[in-house]
Amino acid sequence: MLAFSPVHDAVGAAGTVLAHLTTLLEPIAGGAATAVAIVLFTVAVRLAISPLTVAQVRGERRRAALAPQVRDLQRRYADDPARLQTELFALYRSAGANPVAGCLPVLLQAPFLLVTYRLFSTAEGGTGLLDERLAGVPLGHHLGDGLAGAAGPLFAVLLAALVALAWWSSRRMRRAAAATAAASATAAATGSAATAGSAATAGSAATAGSAGGASTEGSAAAVVGRLLPLLPYTTVLVALVLPLAAVLYLVTTTAWSALEQAVLRRPQGDPAVVGIDRR
């Protein structure tokens, strides 16, 4: 347990902040003060780490802009992996992009989200959070504890919200995957037409190997494209085993993520997106 003491301390500090926020909200929200505090606290945490999300999206846009040049280098140096890596590194460096940097914002967000999740799903904060109530239902109540009274309608509304958010996110993922697949097919067709003469000169064996590699890569991308749109629905499954406080957190953070996706991943011609890319 000693190894997790920093997380425990962070959860305790977050619990103290949440308790003070609840006290401030009691004159306004009454018995729902703790639930409102959970929503506002979650929004505050997500707002605090939003610059990391912006950095992640900016990096994705830079790498997407380089995709045609990357594919060209992959075709040109398909038989020379060492040269390919050198050329790719030079390309990313000249464009100010880093293929690994996109993981950094996600990794930096993880501790914040872990602390928030632990605060709302366990009694670790020491503030009695899960003993508070919303519409007469304890915030520590699970679906497995029964749906009597207000518990049934309350969980139904929250789960319906999660399903709606998951459907919206899944639809956006499918559209993005379809657009990416169309762009890749166009680029592949253009590359094939441009290299048809050299391929005939080099011999059919090299052409067959290249086609086989492209086919394998395309199949793998198709599988990933079918699986990714299903990921948003995992939040609904997770909510089935979490206490009410954590379900409130899930709904809030998922709604915030959907809002970020709508704002940050709009078409690049949008003035707001252009402003993000320039920062």
C-alpha atoms as a PDB file:
ATOM      1  CA  MET A   1       0.000   0.000   0.000  1.00  0.00           C
ATOM      2  CA  LEU A   2       2.978   2.294   0.526  1.00  0.00           C
ATOM      3  CA  ALA A   3       3.535   2.436  -3.243  1.00  0.00           C
ATOM      4  CA  PHE A   4       0.087   3.977  -3.669  1.00  0.00           C
ATOM      5  CA  SER A   5       0.423   6.521  -0.846  1.00  0.00           C
ATOM      6  CA  PRO A   6       0.830   9.465  -3.280  1.00  0.00           C
ATOM      7  CA  VAL A   7      -2.457   8.542  -4.935  1.00  0.00           C
ATOM      8  CA  HIS A   8      -4.089   8.149  -1.509  1.00  0.00           C
ATOM      9  CA  ASP A   9      -2.852  11.597  -0.452  1.00  0.00           C
ATOM     10  CA  ALA A  10      -4.057  13.133  -3.693  1.00  0.00           C
ATOM     11  CA  VAL A  11      -7.491  11.536  -3.270  1.00  0.00           C
ATOM     12  CA  GLY A  12      -7.653  12.867   0.293  1.00  0.00           C
ATOM     13  CA  ALA A  13      -6.775  16.385  -0.875  1.00  0.00           C
ATOM     14  CA  ALA A  14      -9.368  16.207  -3.667  1.00  0.00           C
ATOM     15  CA  GLY A  15     -11.932  14.970  -1.141  1.00  0.00           C
ATOM     16  CA  THR A  16     -11.245  17.969   1.078  1.00  0.00           C
ATOM     17  CA  VAL A  17     -11.730  20.345  -1.837  1.00  0.00           C
ATOM     18  CA  LEU A  18     -14.966  18.588  -2.758  1.00  0.00           C
ATOM     19  CA  ALA A  19     -16.227  18.827   0.848  1.00  0.00           C
ATOM     20  CA  HIS A  20     -15.615  22.594   0.914  1.00  0.00           C
ATOM     21  CA  LEU A  21     -17.339  22.961  -2.451  1.00  0.00           C
ATOM     22  CA  THR A  22     -20.324  21.010  -1.149  1.00  0.00           C
ATOM     23  CA  THR A  23     -20.541  23.326   1.867  1.00  0.00           C
ATOM     24  CA  LEU A  24     -20.556  26.364  -0.410  1.00  0.00           C
ATOM     25  CA  LEU A  25     -23.309  24.883  -2.582  1.00  0.00           C
ATOM     26  CA  GLU A  26     -25.624  23.769   0.231  1.00  0.00           C
ATOM     27  CA  PRO A  27     -27.509  27.087   0.501  1.00  0.00           C
ATOM     28  CA  ILE A  28     -28.233  26.920  -3.243  1.00  0.00           C
ATOM     29  CA  ALA A  29     -28.565  23.209  -4.044  1.00  0.00           C
ATOM     30  CA  GLY A  30     -29.798  21.904  -0.701  1.00  0.00           C
ATOM     31  CA  GLY A  31     -29.746  18.102  -0.479  1.00  0.00           C
ATOM     32  CA  ALA A  32     -28.312  17.813  -3.984  1.00  0.00           C
ATOM     33  CA  ALA A  33     -25.248  19.886  -3.064  1.00  0.00           C
ATOM     34  CA  THR A  34     -22.861  16.921  -3.098  1.00  0.00           C
ATOM     35  CA  ALA A  35     -24.087  15.723  -6.499  1.00  0.00           C
ATOM     36  CA  VAL A  36     -23.753  19.238  -7.931  1.00  0.00           C
ATOM     37  CA  ALA A  37     -20.282  19.481  -6.380  1.00  0.00           C
ATOM     38  CA  ILE A  38     -19.286  16.241  -8.138  1.00  0.00           C
ATOM     39  CA  VAL A  39     -20.358  17.666 -11.485  1.00  0.00           C
ATOM     40  CA  LEU A  40     -18.596  21.007 -10.939  1.00  0.00           C
ATOM     41  CA  PHE A  41     -15.455  19.347  -9.575  1.00  0.00           C
ATOM     42  CA  THR A  42     -15.277  17.035 -12.597  1.00  0.00           C
ATOM     43  CA  VAL A  43     -15.725  19.958 -14.986  1.00  0.00           C
ATOM     44  CA  ALA A  44     -12.996  21.891 -13.148  1.00  0.00           C
ATOM     45  CA  VAL A  45     -10.560  18.966 -13.448  1.00  0.00           C
ATOM     46  CA  ARG A  46     -11.313  18.474 -17.136  1.00  0.00           C
ATOM     47  CA  LEU A  47     -10.977  22.206 -17.763  1.00  0.00           C
ATOM     48  CA  ALA A  48      -7.606  22.224 -15.983  1.00  0.00           C
ATOM     49  CA  ILE A  49      -6.214  19.468 -18.207  1.00  0.00           C
ATOM     50  CA  SER A  50      -7.849  20.699 -21.424  1.00  0.00           C
ATOM     51  CA  PRO A  51      -4.578  22.293 -22.660  1.00  0.00           C
ATOM     52  CA  LEU A  52      -3.176  18.761 -22.824  1.00  0.00           C
ATOM     53  CA  THR A  53      -6.088  17.695 -25.009  1.00  0.00           C
ATOM     54  CA  VAL A  54      -5.542  20.690 -27.275  1.00  0.00           C
ATOM     55  CA  ALA A  55      -1.861  19.736 -27.579  1.00  0.00           C
ATOM     56  CA  GLN A  56      -2.848  16.178 -28.464  1.00  0.00           C
ATOM     57  CA  VAL A  57      -5.273  17.279 -31.196  1.00  0.00           C
ATOM     58  CA  ARG A  58      -2.745  19.755 -32.590  1.00  0.00           C
ATOM     59  CA  GLY A  59      -0.161  16.968 -32.842  1.00  0.00           C
ATOM     60  CA  GLU A  60      -2.660  14.675 -34.549  1.00  0.00           C
ATOM     61  CA  ARG A  61      -3.425  17.349 -37.152  1.00  0.00           C
ATOM     62  CA  ARG A  62       0.260  17.887 -37.874  1.00  0.00           C
ATOM     63  CA  ARG A  63       0.854  14.167 -38.345  1.00  0.00           C
ATOM     64  CA  ALA A  64      -2.255  13.830 -40.512  1.00  0.00           C
ATOM     65  CA  ALA A  65      -0.971  16.609 -42.757  1.00  0.00           C
ATOM     66  CA  LEU A  66       2.253  14.641 -43.221  1.00  0.00           C
ATOM     67  CA  ALA A  67       0.475  11.366 -44.035  1.00  0.00           C
ATOM     68  CA  PRO A  68       0.846  11.639 -47.861  1.00  0.00           C
ATOM     69  CA  GLN A  69       4.577  12.273 -47.516  1.00  0.00           C
ATOM     70  CA  VAL A  70       4.888   9.374 -45.053  1.00  0.00           C
ATOM     71  CA  ARG A  71       3.156   7.013 -47.493  1.00  0.00           C
ATOM     72  CA  ASP A  72       5.448   8.198 -50.278  1.00  0.00           C
ATOM     73  CA  LEU A  73       8.527   7.463 -48.157  1.00  0.00           C
ATOM     74  CA  GLN A  74       7.145   4.045 -47.212  1.00  0.00           C
ATOM     75  CA  ARG A  75       6.735   3.134 -50.874  1.00  0.00           C
ATOM     76  CA  ARG A  76      10.109   4.541 -51.824  1.00  0.00           C
ATOM     77  CA  TYR A  77      12.085   2.779 -49.074  1.00  0.00           C
ATOM     78  CA  ALA A  78       9.975  -0.342 -48.611  1.00  0.00           C
ATOM     79  CA  ASP A  79      13.077  -2.534 -48.978  1.00  0.00           C
ATOM     80  CA  ASP A  80      15.315  -0.391 -46.743  1.00  0.00           C
ATOM     81  CA  PRO A  81      13.821  -0.092 -43.210  1.00  0.00           C
ATOM     82  CA  ALA A  82      16.860   1.706 -41.802  1.00  0.00           C
ATOM     83  CA  ARG A  83      16.728   4.398 -44.489  1.00  0.00           C
ATOM     84  CA  LEU A  84      12.962   4.656 -44.049  1.00  0.00           C
ATOM     85  CA  GLN A  85      13.312   5.380 -40.322  1.00  0.00           C
ATOM     86  CA  THR A  86      15.968   8.009 -41.025  1.00  0.00           C
ATOM     87  CA  GLU A  87      13.824   9.744 -43.623  1.00  0.00           C
ATOM     88  CA  LEU A  88      10.710   9.645 -41.428  1.00  0.00           C
ATOM     89  CA  PHE A  89      12.625  11.136 -38.504  1.00  0.00           C
ATOM     90  CA  ALA A  90      13.925  13.917 -40.733  1.00  0.00           C
ATOM     91  CA  LEU A  91      10.424  14.597 -42.069  1.00  0.00           C
ATOM     92  CA  TYR A  92       8.841  14.845 -38.616  1.00  0.00           C
ATOM     93  CA  ARG A  93      11.696  17.001 -37.332  1.00  0.00           C
ATOM     94  CA  SER A  94      11.462  19.448 -40.249  1.00  0.00           C
ATOM     95  CA  ALA A  95       7.686  19.756 -39.712  1.00  0.00           C
ATOM     96  CA  GLY A  96       7.975  20.155 -35.932  1.00  0.00           C
ATOM     97  CA  ALA A  97       5.925  16.996 -35.361  1.00  0.00           C
ATOM     98  CA  ASN A  98       6.704  14.011 -33.179  1.00  0.00           C
ATOM     99  CA  PRO A  99       4.861  10.681 -33.663  1.00  0.00           C
ATOM    100  CA  VAL A 100       5.432   9.819 -29.987  1.00  0.00           C
ATOM    101  CA  ALA A 101       4.409  13.193 -28.580  1.00  0.00           C
ATOM    102  CA  GLY A 102       0.730  12.386 -29.143  1.00  0.00           C
ATOM    103  CA  CYS A 103       0.908   9.879 -26.291  1.00  0.00           C
ATOM    104  CA  LEU A 104       2.284  12.425 -23.815  1.00  0.00           C
ATOM    105  CA  PRO A 105      -0.952  14.391 -23.212  1.00  0.00           C
ATOM    106  CA  VAL A 106      -2.836  11.137 -22.599  1.00  0.00           C
ATOM    107  CA  LEU A 107      -0.213   9.959 -20.101  1.00  0.00           C
ATOM    108  CA  LEU A 108      -0.233  13.310 -18.286  1.00  0.00           C
ATOM    109  CA  GLN A 109      -4.027  13.241 -17.985  1.00  0.00           C
ATOM    110  CA  ALA A 110      -4.068   9.741 -16.497  1.00  0.00           C
ATOM    111  CA  PRO A 111      -3.090  10.704 -12.889  1.00  0.00           C
ATOM    112  CA  PHE A 112      -5.821  13.365 -12.723  1.00  0.00           C
ATOM    113  CA  LEU A 113      -8.470  10.987 -14.007  1.00  0.00           C
ATOM    114  CA  LEU A 114      -7.274   8.198 -11.679  1.00  0.00           C
ATOM    115  CA  VAL A 115      -7.560  10.422  -8.607  1.00  0.00           C
ATOM    116  CA  THR A 116     -11.008  11.616  -9.657  1.00  0.00           C
ATOM    117  CA  TYR A 117     -12.216   8.070 -10.285  1.00  0.00           C
ATOM    118  CA  ARG A 118     -10.893   6.820  -6.923  1.00  0.00           C
ATOM    119  CA  LEU A 119     -12.542   9.737  -5.137  1.00  0.00           C
ATOM    120  CA  PHE A 120     -15.966   8.991  -6.594  1.00  0.00           C
ATOM    121  CA  SER A 121     -15.870   5.183  -6.495  1.00  0.00           C
ATOM    122  CA  THR A 122     -14.325   4.455  -3.068  1.00  0.00           C
ATOM    123  CA  ALA A 123     -14.404   5.855   0.472  1.00  0.00           C
ATOM    124  CA  GLU A 124     -10.703   6.666   0.180  1.00  0.00           C
ATOM    125  CA  GLY A 125     -11.202  10.428   0.394  1.00  0.00           C
ATOM    126  CA  GLY A 126     -12.394  10.092   3.994  1.00  0.00           C
ATOM    127  CA  THR A 127     -15.131  12.703   3.502  1.00  0.00           C
ATOM    128  CA  GLY A 128     -18.171  10.424   3.743  1.00  0.00           C
ATOM    129  CA  LEU A 129     -18.973  11.293   0.124  1.00  0.00           C
ATOM    130  CA  LEU A 130     -20.658   7.976  -0.637  1.00  0.00           C
ATOM    131  CA  ASP A 131     -22.989   8.389   2.355  1.00  0.00           C
ATOM    132  CA  GLU A 132     -24.529  11.566   0.924  1.00  0.00           C
ATOM    133  CA  ARG A 133     -27.756  11.311  -1.049  1.00  0.00           C
ATOM    134  CA  LEU A 134     -29.293  12.430  -4.329  1.00  0.00           C
ATOM    135  CA  ALA A 135     -33.103  12.255  -4.543  1.00  0.00           C
ATOM    136  CA  GLY A 136     -32.988  10.053  -1.456  1.00  0.00           C
ATOM    137  CA  VAL A 137     -30.522   7.575  -3.010  1.00  0.00           C
ATOM    138  CA  PRO A 138     -27.094   7.216  -1.336  1.00  0.00           C
ATOM    139  CA  LEU A 139     -24.208   8.178  -3.626  1.00  0.00           C
ATOM    140  CA  GLY A 140     -22.638   4.838  -2.710  1.00  0.00           C
ATOM    141  CA  HIS A 141     -25.650   2.941  -4.091  1.00  0.00           C
ATOM    142  CA  HIS A 142     -24.957   0.342  -6.828  1.00  0.00           C
ATOM    143  CA  LEU A 143     -27.411  -1.081  -9.334  1.00  0.00           C
ATOM    144  CA  GLY A 144     -26.937  -4.436  -7.634  1.00  0.00           C
ATOM    145  CA  ASP A 145     -28.256  -2.967  -4.385  1.00  0.00           C
ATOM    146  CA  GLY A 146     -31.726  -2.705  -5.881  1.00  0.00           C
ATOM    147  CA  LEU A 147     -33.859  -0.276  -7.885  1.00  0.00           C
ATOM    148  CA  ALA A 148     -36.482   0.519  -5.264  1.00  0.00           C
ATOM    149  CA  GLY A 149     -37.722   4.072  -4.833  1.00  0.00           C
ATOM    150  CA  ALA A 150     -35.911   6.755  -6.795  1.00  0.00           C
ATOM    151  CA  ALA A 151     -32.901   4.521  -7.542  1.00  0.00           C
ATOM    152  CA  GLY A 152     -34.506   2.964 -10.622  1.00  0.00           C
ATOM    153  CA  PRO A 153     -35.494   6.198 -12.418  1.00  0.00           C
ATOM    154  CA  LEU A 154     -32.245   7.919 -11.392  1.00  0.00           C
ATOM    155  CA  PHE A 155     -29.983   5.187 -12.761  1.00  0.00           C
ATOM    156  CA  ALA A 156     -32.205   4.887 -15.864  1.00  0.00           C
ATOM    157  CA  VAL A 157     -31.733   8.591 -16.684  1.00  0.00           C
ATOM    158  CA  LEU A 158     -27.959   8.460 -16.135  1.00  0.00           C
ATOM    159  CA  LEU A 159     -27.510   5.252 -18.153  1.00  0.00           C
ATOM    160  CA  ALA A 160     -29.684   6.656 -20.951  1.00  0.00           C
ATOM    161  CA  ALA A 161     -27.430   9.712 -21.042  1.00  0.00           C
ATOM    162  CA  LEU A 162     -24.347   7.488 -21.279  1.00  0.00           C
ATOM    163  CA  VAL A 163     -25.904   5.443 -24.098  1.00  0.00           C
ATOM    164  CA  ALA A 164     -26.764   8.625 -26.018  1.00  0.00           C
ATOM    165  CA  LEU A 165     -23.230   9.994 -25.570  1.00  0.00           C
ATOM    166  CA  ALA A 166     -21.724   6.649 -26.593  1.00  0.00           C
ATOM    167  CA  TRP A 167     -23.889   6.533 -29.720  1.00  0.00           C
ATOM    168  CA  TRP A 168     -22.846  10.077 -30.665  1.00  0.00           C
ATOM    169  CA  SER A 169     -19.144   9.345 -30.136  1.00  0.00           C
ATOM    170  CA  SER A 170     -19.413   6.054 -32.017  1.00  0.00           C
ATOM    171  CA  ARG A 171     -21.059   7.774 -34.982  1.00  0.00           C
ATOM    172  CA  ARG A 172     -18.264  10.351 -35.127  1.00  0.00           C
ATOM    173  CA  MET A 173     -15.671   7.559 -35.025  1.00  0.00           C
ATOM    174  CA  ARG A 174     -17.373   5.728 -37.907  1.00  0.00           C
ATOM    175  CA  ARG A 175     -17.466   8.890 -39.993  1.00  0.00           C
ATOM    176  CA  ALA A 176     -13.803   9.612 -39.242  1.00  0.00           C
ATOM    177  CA  ALA A 177     -12.830   6.029 -40.113  1.00  0.00           C
ATOM    178  CA  ALA A 178     -14.768   6.195 -43.381  1.00  0.00           C
ATOM    179  CA  ALA A 179     -13.089   9.490 -44.315  1.00  0.00           C
ATOM    180  CA  THR A 180      -9.651   8.087 -43.485  1.00  0.00           C
ATOM    181  CA  ALA A 181     -10.317   4.927 -45.505  1.00  0.00           C
ATOM    182  CA  ALA A 182     -11.458   6.982 -48.500  1.00  0.00           C
ATOM    183  CA  ALA A 183      -8.372   9.185 -48.308  1.00  0.00           C
ATOM    184  CA  SER A 184      -6.090   6.146 -48.026  1.00  0.00           C
ATOM    185  CA  ALA A 185      -7.754   4.466 -51.006  1.00  0.00           C
ATOM    186  CA  THR A 186      -7.340   7.599 -53.106  1.00  0.00           C
ATOM    187  CA  ALA A 187      -3.687   7.937 -52.103  1.00  0.00           C
ATOM    188  CA  ALA A 188      -3.056   4.252 -52.825  1.00  0.00           C
ATOM    189  CA  ALA A 189      -4.672   4.508 -56.256  1.00  0.00           C
ATOM    190  CA  THR A 190      -2.635   7.595 -57.085  1.00  0.00           C
ATOM    191  CA  GLY A 191       0.569   5.930 -55.917  1.00  0.00           C
ATOM    192  CA  SER A 192      -0.155   2.797 -57.903  1.00  0.00           C
ATOM    193  CA  ALA A 193      -0.765   4.770 -61.092  1.00  0.00           C
ATOM    194  CA  ALA A 194       2.404   6.810 -60.592  1.00  0.00           C
ATOM    195  CA  THR A 195       4.583   3.767 -60.028  1.00  0.00           C
ATOM    196  CA  ALA A 196       3.019   1.435 -62.601  1.00  0.00           C
ATOM    197  CA  GLY A 197       5.805   1.914 -65.137  1.00  0.00           C
ATOM    198  CA  SER A 198       8.642   1.409 -62.643  1.00  0.00           C
ATOM    199  CA  ALA A 199       6.901  -1.619 -61.158  1.00  0.00           C
ATOM    200  CA  ALA A 200       6.711  -3.258 -64.582  1.00  0.00           C
ATOM    201  CA  THR A 201      10.395  -2.647 -65.106  1.00  0.00           C
ATOM    202  CA  ALA A 202      11.418  -3.890 -61.675  1.00  0.00           C
ATOM    203  CA  GLY A 203       9.514  -7.138 -62.100  1.00  0.00           C
ATOM    204  CA  SER A 204       6.264  -8.718 -61.012  1.00  0.00           C
ATOM    205  CA  ALA A 205       7.729 -10.242 -57.822  1.00  0.00           C
ATOM    206  CA  ALA A 206       8.334  -6.829 -56.258  1.00  0.00           C
ATOM    207  CA  THR A 207       4.884  -5.688 -57.331  1.00  0.00           C
ATOM    208  CA  ALA A 208       3.239  -8.752 -55.800  1.00  0.00           C
ATOM    209  CA  GLY A 209       5.089  -8.275 -52.518  1.00  0.00           C
ATOM    210  CA  SER A 210       4.024  -4.639 -52.363  1.00  0.00           C
ATOM    211  CA  ALA A 211       0.414  -5.551 -53.106  1.00  0.00           C
ATOM    212  CA  GLY A 212       0.457  -8.254 -50.452  1.00  0.00           C
ATOM    213  CA  GLY A 213       1.787  -5.809 -47.854  1.00  0.00           C
ATOM    214  CA  ALA A 214      -0.839  -3.231 -48.769  1.00  0.00           C
ATOM    215  CA  SER A 215      -3.566  -5.867 -48.555  1.00  0.00           C
ATOM    216  CA  THR A 216      -2.438  -6.960 -45.078  1.00  0.00           C
ATOM    217  CA  GLU A 217      -2.208  -3.366 -43.887  1.00  0.00           C
ATOM    218  CA  GLY A 218      -5.653  -2.613 -45.267  1.00  0.00           C
ATOM    219  CA  SER A 219      -7.196  -5.649 -43.552  1.00  0.00           C
ATOM    220  CA  ALA A 220      -5.693  -4.687 -40.199  1.00  0.00           C
ATOM    221  CA  ALA A 221      -6.961  -1.118 -40.588  1.00  0.00           C
ATOM    222  CA  ALA A 222     -10.433  -2.437 -41.448  1.00  0.00           C
ATOM    223  CA  VAL A 223     -10.550  -4.550 -38.275  1.00  0.00           C
ATOM    224  CA  VAL A 224      -9.456  -1.615 -36.121  1.00  0.00           C
ATOM    225  CA  GLY A 225     -11.989   0.596 -37.885  1.00  0.00           C
ATOM    226  CA  ARG A 226     -14.789  -1.823 -36.956  1.00  0.00           C
ATOM    227  CA  LEU A 227     -13.713  -2.176 -33.312  1.00  0.00           C
ATOM    228  CA  LEU A 228     -12.988   1.447 -32.403  1.00  0.00           C
ATOM    229  CA  PRO A 229     -16.620   2.662 -32.738  1.00  0.00           C
ATOM    230  CA  LEU A 230     -17.616   0.095 -30.106  1.00  0.00           C
ATOM    231  CA  LEU A 231     -15.270   1.499 -27.450  1.00  0.00           C
ATOM    232  CA  PRO A 232     -17.557   4.349 -26.280  1.00  0.00           C
ATOM    233  CA  TYR A 233     -20.139   1.794 -25.172  1.00  0.00           C
ATOM    234  CA  THR A 234     -17.719   0.400 -22.580  1.00  0.00           C
ATOM    235  CA  THR A 235     -18.578   3.379 -20.367  1.00  0.00           C
ATOM    236  CA  VAL A 236     -22.138   2.052 -20.137  1.00  0.00           C
ATOM    237  CA  LEU A 237     -20.881  -1.379 -19.074  1.00  0.00           C
ATOM    238  CA  VAL A 238     -18.556   0.161 -16.485  1.00  0.00           C
ATOM    239  CA  ALA A 239     -21.396   2.264 -15.076  1.00  0.00           C
ATOM    240  CA  LEU A 240     -23.363  -0.904 -14.305  1.00  0.00           C
ATOM    241  CA  VAL A 241     -20.915  -1.830 -11.527  1.00  0.00           C
ATOM    242  CA  LEU A 242     -20.072   1.622 -10.143  1.00  0.00           C
ATOM    243  CA  PRO A 243     -21.688   3.550  -7.273  1.00  0.00           C
ATOM    244  CA  LEU A 244     -23.988   6.444  -8.073  1.00  0.00           C
ATOM    245  CA  ALA A 245     -21.284   9.056  -7.366  1.00  0.00           C
ATOM    246  CA  ALA A 246     -18.969   7.472  -9.935  1.00  0.00           C
ATOM    247  CA  VAL A 247     -21.798   7.216 -12.483  1.00  0.00           C
ATOM    248  CA  LEU A 248     -22.383  10.960 -12.085  1.00  0.00           C
ATOM    249  CA  TYR A 249     -18.685  11.464 -12.694  1.00  0.00           C
ATOM    250  CA  LEU A 250     -18.787   9.208 -15.786  1.00  0.00           C
ATOM    251  CA  VAL A 251     -21.724  11.087 -17.297  1.00  0.00           C
ATOM    252  CA  THR A 252     -20.065  14.452 -16.677  1.00  0.00           C
ATOM    253  CA  THR A 253     -16.622  13.520 -17.971  1.00  0.00           C
ATOM    254  CA  THR A 254     -18.076  11.705 -21.000  1.00  0.00           C
ATOM    255  CA  ALA A 255     -20.230  14.712 -21.855  1.00  0.00           C
ATOM    256  CA  TRP A 256     -17.158  16.935 -21.542  1.00  0.00           C
ATOM    257  CA  SER A 257     -15.190  14.616 -23.828  1.00  0.00           C
ATOM    258  CA  ALA A 258     -18.000  14.754 -26.400  1.00  0.00           C
ATOM    259  CA  LEU A 259     -17.975  18.555 -26.223  1.00  0.00           C
ATOM    260  CA  GLU A 260     -14.199  18.600 -26.709  1.00  0.00           C
ATOM    261  CA  GLN A 261     -14.519  16.303 -29.716  1.00  0.00           C
ATOM    262  CA  ALA A 262     -17.179  18.518 -31.260  1.00  0.00           C
ATOM    263  CA  VAL A 263     -15.131  21.693 -30.764  1.00  0.00           C
ATOM    264  CA  LEU A 264     -11.555  20.516 -31.333  1.00  0.00           C
ATOM    265  CA  ARG A 265     -12.155  18.063 -34.180  1.00  0.00           C
ATOM    266  CA  ARG A 266     -14.316  20.216 -36.400  1.00  0.00           C
ATOM    267  CA  PRO A 267     -13.307  20.471 -40.090  1.00  0.00           C
ATOM    268  CA  GLN A 268      -9.983  22.261 -40.419  1.00  0.00           C
ATOM    269  CA  GLY A 269     -11.541  25.089 -42.409  1.00  0.00           C
ATOM    270  CA  ASP A 270     -13.441  26.190 -39.305  1.00  0.00           C
ATOM    271  CA  PRO A 271     -11.949  29.461 -37.921  1.00  0.00           C
ATOM    272  CA  ALA A 272     -11.920  28.087 -34.370  1.00  0.00           C
ATOM    273  CA  VAL A 273      -9.929  25.048 -35.443  1.00  0.00           C
ATOM    274  CA  VAL A 274      -7.512  27.185 -37.441  1.00  0.00           C
ATOM    275  CA  GLY A 275      -6.923  29.198 -34.274  1.00  0.00           C
ATOM    276  CA  ILE A 276      -6.178  26.028 -32.315  1.00  0.00           C
ATOM    277  CA  ASP A 277      -3.702  24.827 -34.932  1.00  0.00           C
ATOM    278  CA  ARG A 278      -1.866  28.142 -34.897  1.00  0.00           C
ATOM    279  CA  ARG A 279      -1.402  28.242 -31.115  1.00  0.00           C
END
